[in-house]
């Protein structure tokens, strides 16, 4: 799978670890930076990565900042993106199986690399329960709301 990755300076080290994990699992990574721990503005990296997912240049995105919320706020402003902040594998499982998220946001100041690896592995391998009418209906309603208020690319 092709995955867009991005981070700010606080997420750089964890991004590099997650990137290696994903590449070792056979995924292709499009890295939008940051490329070091020098202070930077989160949106300079998250926004282009989010656009890549929205345009279909990547199938999913994994964004890492200090706590994850900044990345999610940016991604969720773009039509077709459904970002969730996950701080444990259970949240990652539900973010995929119940909500069909295509963007995973992680807080590098909140979790370490071991938990991050579990979160990423869970999120990457969990499928949306599209055959379950309850979850499909809920996601369809979210898409309907987004279509009313977000301009398509």
C-alpha atoms as a PDB file:
ATOM      1  CA  UNK A   1       0.000   0.000   0.000  1.00  0.00           C
ATOM      2  CA  UNK A   2       1.163   3.542  -0.708  1.00  0.00           C
ATOM      3  CA  UNK A   3       1.172   5.666   2.444  1.00  0.00           C
ATOM      4  CA  UNK A   4       1.742   9.412   2.826  1.00  0.00           C
ATOM      5  CA  UNK A   5       3.703  10.229   5.968  1.00  0.00           C
ATOM      6  CA  UNK A   6       4.337  13.607   7.551  1.00  0.00           C
ATOM      7  CA  UNK A   7       5.325  15.068  10.883  1.00  0.00           C
ATOM      8  CA  UNK A   8       6.563  18.145  12.631  1.00  0.00           C
ATOM      9  CA  UNK A   9       9.852  18.405  14.494  1.00  0.00           C
ATOM     10  CA  UNK A  10       8.457  16.693  17.598  1.00  0.00           C
ATOM     11  CA  UNK A  11       7.315  13.700  15.557  1.00  0.00           C
ATOM     12  CA  UNK A  12      10.435  13.289  13.421  1.00  0.00           C
ATOM     13  CA  UNK A  13      12.137  10.459  15.344  1.00  0.00           C
ATOM     14  CA  UNK A  14       8.952   8.433  15.698  1.00  0.00           C
ATOM     15  CA  UNK A  15       8.072   9.033  12.037  1.00  0.00           C
ATOM     16  CA  UNK A  16      11.408   7.543  11.012  1.00  0.00           C
ATOM     17  CA  UNK A  17      10.767   4.444  13.155  1.00  0.00           C
ATOM     18  CA  UNK A  18       7.239   3.985  11.820  1.00  0.00           C
ATOM     19  CA  UNK A  19       8.449   4.563   8.270  1.00  0.00           C
ATOM     20  CA  UNK A  20      11.020   1.761   8.630  1.00  0.00           C
ATOM     21  CA  UNK A  21       8.384  -0.550  10.101  1.00  0.00           C
ATOM     22  CA  UNK A  22       6.051   0.078   7.163  1.00  0.00           C
ATOM     23  CA  UNK A  23       8.770  -0.266   4.526  1.00  0.00           C
ATOM     24  CA  UNK A  24       9.855  -3.565   6.099  1.00  0.00           C
ATOM     25  CA  UNK A  25       6.236  -4.721   5.785  1.00  0.00           C
ATOM     26  CA  UNK A  26       6.341  -3.970   2.044  1.00  0.00           C
ATOM     27  CA  UNK A  27       4.540  -0.627   1.959  1.00  0.00           C
ATOM     28  CA  UNK A  28       5.635   2.319  -0.171  1.00  0.00           C
ATOM     29  CA  UNK A  29       6.101   5.559   1.744  1.00  0.00           C
ATOM     30  CA  UNK A  30       5.801   9.078   0.362  1.00  0.00           C
ATOM     31  CA  UNK A  31       7.592  11.174   2.983  1.00  0.00           C
ATOM     32  CA  UNK A  32       6.497  14.809   3.203  1.00  0.00           C
ATOM     33  CA  UNK A  33       8.868  15.644   6.073  1.00  0.00           C
ATOM     34  CA  UNK A  34       9.832  17.095   8.414  1.00  0.00           C
ATOM     35  CA  UNK A  35      13.296  15.819   7.712  1.00  0.00           C
ATOM     36  CA  UNK A  36      14.912  16.733  11.032  1.00  0.00           C
ATOM     37  CA  UNK A  37      14.116  17.954  14.540  1.00  0.00           C
ATOM     38  CA  UNK A  38      14.485  21.636  13.702  1.00  0.00           C
ATOM     39  CA  UNK A  39      11.377  23.596  14.701  1.00  0.00           C
ATOM     40  CA  UNK A  40       8.843  23.868  11.885  1.00  0.00           C
ATOM     41  CA  UNK A  41       5.178  24.585  11.274  1.00  0.00           C
ATOM     42  CA  UNK A  42       3.087  21.433  11.264  1.00  0.00           C
ATOM     43  CA  UNK A  43       0.854  22.517   8.394  1.00  0.00           C
ATOM     44  CA  UNK A  44       3.843  22.868   6.040  1.00  0.00           C
ATOM     45  CA  UNK A  45       4.163  19.073   6.052  1.00  0.00           C
ATOM     46  CA  UNK A  46       0.739  17.721   6.996  1.00  0.00           C
ATOM     47  CA  UNK A  47      -1.237  19.714   4.425  1.00  0.00           C
ATOM     48  CA  UNK A  48       0.690  18.453   1.338  1.00  0.00           C
ATOM     49  CA  UNK A  49       0.582  14.891   2.677  1.00  0.00           C
ATOM     50  CA  UNK A  50      -3.147  15.178   3.326  1.00  0.00           C
ATOM     51  CA  UNK A  51      -3.706  16.467  -0.201  1.00  0.00           C
ATOM     52  CA  UNK A  52      -1.816  13.465  -1.578  1.00  0.00           C
ATOM     53  CA  UNK A  53      -4.282  11.129   0.133  1.00  0.00           C
ATOM     54  CA  UNK A  54      -7.285  13.208  -0.946  1.00  0.00           C
ATOM     55  CA  UNK A  55      -6.093  13.175  -4.572  1.00  0.00           C
ATOM     56  CA  UNK A  56      -5.492   9.408  -4.542  1.00  0.00           C
ATOM     57  CA  UNK A  57      -1.708   9.674  -4.789  1.00  0.00           C
ATOM     58  CA  UNK A  58      -1.556   7.640  -1.560  1.00  0.00           C
ATOM     59  CA  UNK A  59      -4.132   5.243  -0.168  1.00  0.00           C
ATOM     60  CA  UNK A  60      -3.726   6.288   3.457  1.00  0.00           C
ATOM     61  CA  UNK A  61      -1.807   8.749   5.596  1.00  0.00           C
ATOM     62  CA  UNK A  62       0.045   8.505   8.879  1.00  0.00           C
ATOM     63  CA  UNK A  63       0.833  11.831  10.532  1.00  0.00           C
ATOM     64  CA  UNK A  64       2.863  12.319  13.697  1.00  0.00           C
ATOM     65  CA  UNK A  65       3.105  15.470  15.775  1.00  0.00           C
ATOM     66  CA  UNK A  66       3.369  16.210  19.482  1.00  0.00           C
ATOM     67  CA  UNK A  67      -0.080  14.999  20.526  1.00  0.00           C
ATOM     68  CA  UNK A  68      -1.760  14.127  17.203  1.00  0.00           C
ATOM     69  CA  UNK A  69      -4.574  16.644  17.332  1.00  0.00           C
ATOM     70  CA  UNK A  70      -2.955  19.300  15.161  1.00  0.00           C
ATOM     71  CA  UNK A  71      -2.516  16.809  12.341  1.00  0.00           C
ATOM     72  CA  UNK A  72      -6.108  15.607  12.658  1.00  0.00           C
ATOM     73  CA  UNK A  73      -7.448  19.161  12.622  1.00  0.00           C
ATOM     74  CA  UNK A  74      -5.614  19.885   9.374  1.00  0.00           C
ATOM     75  CA  UNK A  75      -6.542  16.616   7.648  1.00  0.00           C
ATOM     76  CA  UNK A  76     -10.210  16.797   8.598  1.00  0.00           C
ATOM     77  CA  UNK A  77     -10.539  20.152   6.809  1.00  0.00           C
ATOM     78  CA  UNK A  78     -10.058  18.363   3.468  1.00  0.00           C
ATOM     79  CA  UNK A  79     -12.860  16.621   1.592  1.00  0.00           C
ATOM     80  CA  UNK A  80     -12.511  12.847   1.520  1.00  0.00           C
ATOM     81  CA  UNK A  81     -10.226  12.602   4.531  1.00  0.00           C
ATOM     82  CA  UNK A  82     -11.239  10.968   7.778  1.00  0.00           C
ATOM     83  CA  UNK A  83      -8.530  11.354  10.413  1.00  0.00           C
ATOM     84  CA  UNK A  84      -8.450   9.939  13.927  1.00  0.00           C
ATOM     85  CA  UNK A  85      -5.991  10.415  16.764  1.00  0.00           C
ATOM     86  CA  UNK A  86      -5.144   7.010  18.217  1.00  0.00           C
ATOM     87  CA  UNK A  87      -3.174   6.522  21.419  1.00  0.00           C
ATOM     88  CA  UNK A  88      -3.638   2.771  21.773  1.00  0.00           C
ATOM     89  CA  UNK A  89      -4.282  -0.246  19.515  1.00  0.00           C
ATOM     90  CA  UNK A  90      -7.944  -0.537  20.558  1.00  0.00           C
ATOM     91  CA  UNK A  91      -8.663   2.991  19.309  1.00  0.00           C
ATOM     92  CA  UNK A  92      -6.805   2.197  16.080  1.00  0.00           C
ATOM     93  CA  UNK A  93      -8.905  -0.920  15.554  1.00  0.00           C
ATOM     94  CA  UNK A  94     -12.169   0.952  16.053  1.00  0.00           C
ATOM     95  CA  UNK A  95     -11.008   3.905  13.947  1.00  0.00           C
ATOM     96  CA  UNK A  96     -10.688   1.521  11.001  1.00  0.00           C
ATOM     97  CA  UNK A  97     -13.404  -1.063  11.640  1.00  0.00           C
ATOM     98  CA  UNK A  98     -16.166   1.313  12.745  1.00  0.00           C
ATOM     99  CA  UNK A  99     -15.238   4.648  11.134  1.00  0.00           C
ATOM    100  CA  UNK A 100     -13.240   3.717   8.005  1.00  0.00           C
ATOM    101  CA  UNK A 101     -10.540   6.310   8.710  1.00  0.00           C
ATOM    102  CA  UNK A 102      -7.907   6.877   6.060  1.00  0.00           C
ATOM    103  CA  UNK A 103      -5.599   9.062   8.173  1.00  0.00           C
ATOM    104  CA  UNK A 104      -3.949   7.930  11.411  1.00  0.00           C
ATOM    105  CA  UNK A 105      -2.610  10.655  13.712  1.00  0.00           C
ATOM    106  CA  UNK A 106      -0.210   9.836  16.517  1.00  0.00           C
ATOM    107  CA  UNK A 107       1.205  11.974  19.314  1.00  0.00           C
ATOM    108  CA  UNK A 108       4.940  11.434  19.730  1.00  0.00           C
ATOM    109  CA  UNK A 109       4.890  13.197  23.109  1.00  0.00           C
ATOM    110  CA  UNK A 110       2.144  10.850  24.301  1.00  0.00           C
ATOM    111  CA  UNK A 111       3.257   7.377  23.216  1.00  0.00           C
ATOM    112  CA  UNK A 112       6.557   5.593  22.646  1.00  0.00           C
ATOM    113  CA  UNK A 113       7.757   3.611  19.690  1.00  0.00           C
ATOM    114  CA  UNK A 114       6.551   0.227  20.995  1.00  0.00           C
ATOM    115  CA  UNK A 115       2.930   1.314  21.360  1.00  0.00           C
ATOM    116  CA  UNK A 116       3.180   3.307  18.121  1.00  0.00           C
ATOM    117  CA  UNK A 117       4.212   0.137  16.273  1.00  0.00           C
ATOM    118  CA  UNK A 118       1.229  -1.730  17.718  1.00  0.00           C
ATOM    119  CA  UNK A 119      -1.122   1.116  16.792  1.00  0.00           C
ATOM    120  CA  UNK A 120       0.196   1.300  13.229  1.00  0.00           C
ATOM    121  CA  UNK A 121       0.100  -2.478  12.725  1.00  0.00           C
ATOM    122  CA  UNK A 122      -3.452  -2.661  14.053  1.00  0.00           C
ATOM    123  CA  UNK A 123      -4.655   0.284  11.983  1.00  0.00           C
ATOM    124  CA  UNK A 124      -2.995  -0.995   8.804  1.00  0.00           C
ATOM    125  CA  UNK A 125      -4.414  -4.521   9.103  1.00  0.00           C
ATOM    126  CA  UNK A 126      -7.945  -3.735  10.271  1.00  0.00           C
ATOM    127  CA  UNK A 127     -10.643  -3.549   7.627  1.00  0.00           C
ATOM    128  CA  UNK A 128     -13.784  -1.432   7.722  1.00  0.00           C
ATOM    129  CA  UNK A 129     -16.857  -3.461   8.669  1.00  0.00           C
ATOM    130  CA  UNK A 130     -18.671  -2.386   5.504  1.00  0.00           C
ATOM    131  CA  UNK A 131     -20.872  -5.470   5.646  1.00  0.00           C
ATOM    132  CA  UNK A 132     -22.293  -4.373   8.991  1.00  0.00           C
ATOM    133  CA  UNK A 133     -25.232  -2.086   8.213  1.00  0.00           C
ATOM    134  CA  UNK A 134     -24.846  -0.227  11.517  1.00  0.00           C
ATOM    135  CA  UNK A 135     -21.314   1.000  10.745  1.00  0.00           C
ATOM    136  CA  UNK A 136     -21.934   1.577   7.049  1.00  0.00           C
ATOM    137  CA  UNK A 137     -24.931   3.778   7.895  1.00  0.00           C
ATOM    138  CA  UNK A 138     -22.890   5.784  10.399  1.00  0.00           C
ATOM    139  CA  UNK A 139     -20.026   6.345   7.973  1.00  0.00           C
ATOM    140  CA  UNK A 140     -22.471   7.236   5.188  1.00  0.00           C
ATOM    141  CA  UNK A 141     -23.904   9.944   7.456  1.00  0.00           C
ATOM    142  CA  UNK A 142     -20.420  11.341   8.094  1.00  0.00           C
ATOM    143  CA  UNK A 143     -19.753  11.406   4.354  1.00  0.00           C
ATOM    144  CA  UNK A 144     -23.092  13.155   3.789  1.00  0.00           C
ATOM    145  CA  UNK A 145     -22.187  15.846   6.330  1.00  0.00           C
ATOM    146  CA  UNK A 146     -18.755  16.306   4.760  1.00  0.00           C
ATOM    147  CA  UNK A 147     -20.286  16.581   1.297  1.00  0.00           C
ATOM    148  CA  UNK A 148     -22.561  19.389   2.521  1.00  0.00           C
ATOM    149  CA  UNK A 149     -19.777  21.452   4.033  1.00  0.00           C
ATOM    150  CA  UNK A 150     -16.452  20.579   2.411  1.00  0.00           C
ATOM    151  CA  UNK A 151     -15.586  21.564  -1.131  1.00  0.00           C
ATOM    152  CA  UNK A 152     -14.388  18.607  -3.257  1.00  0.00           C
ATOM    153  CA  UNK A 153     -10.879  18.919  -4.659  1.00  0.00           C
END
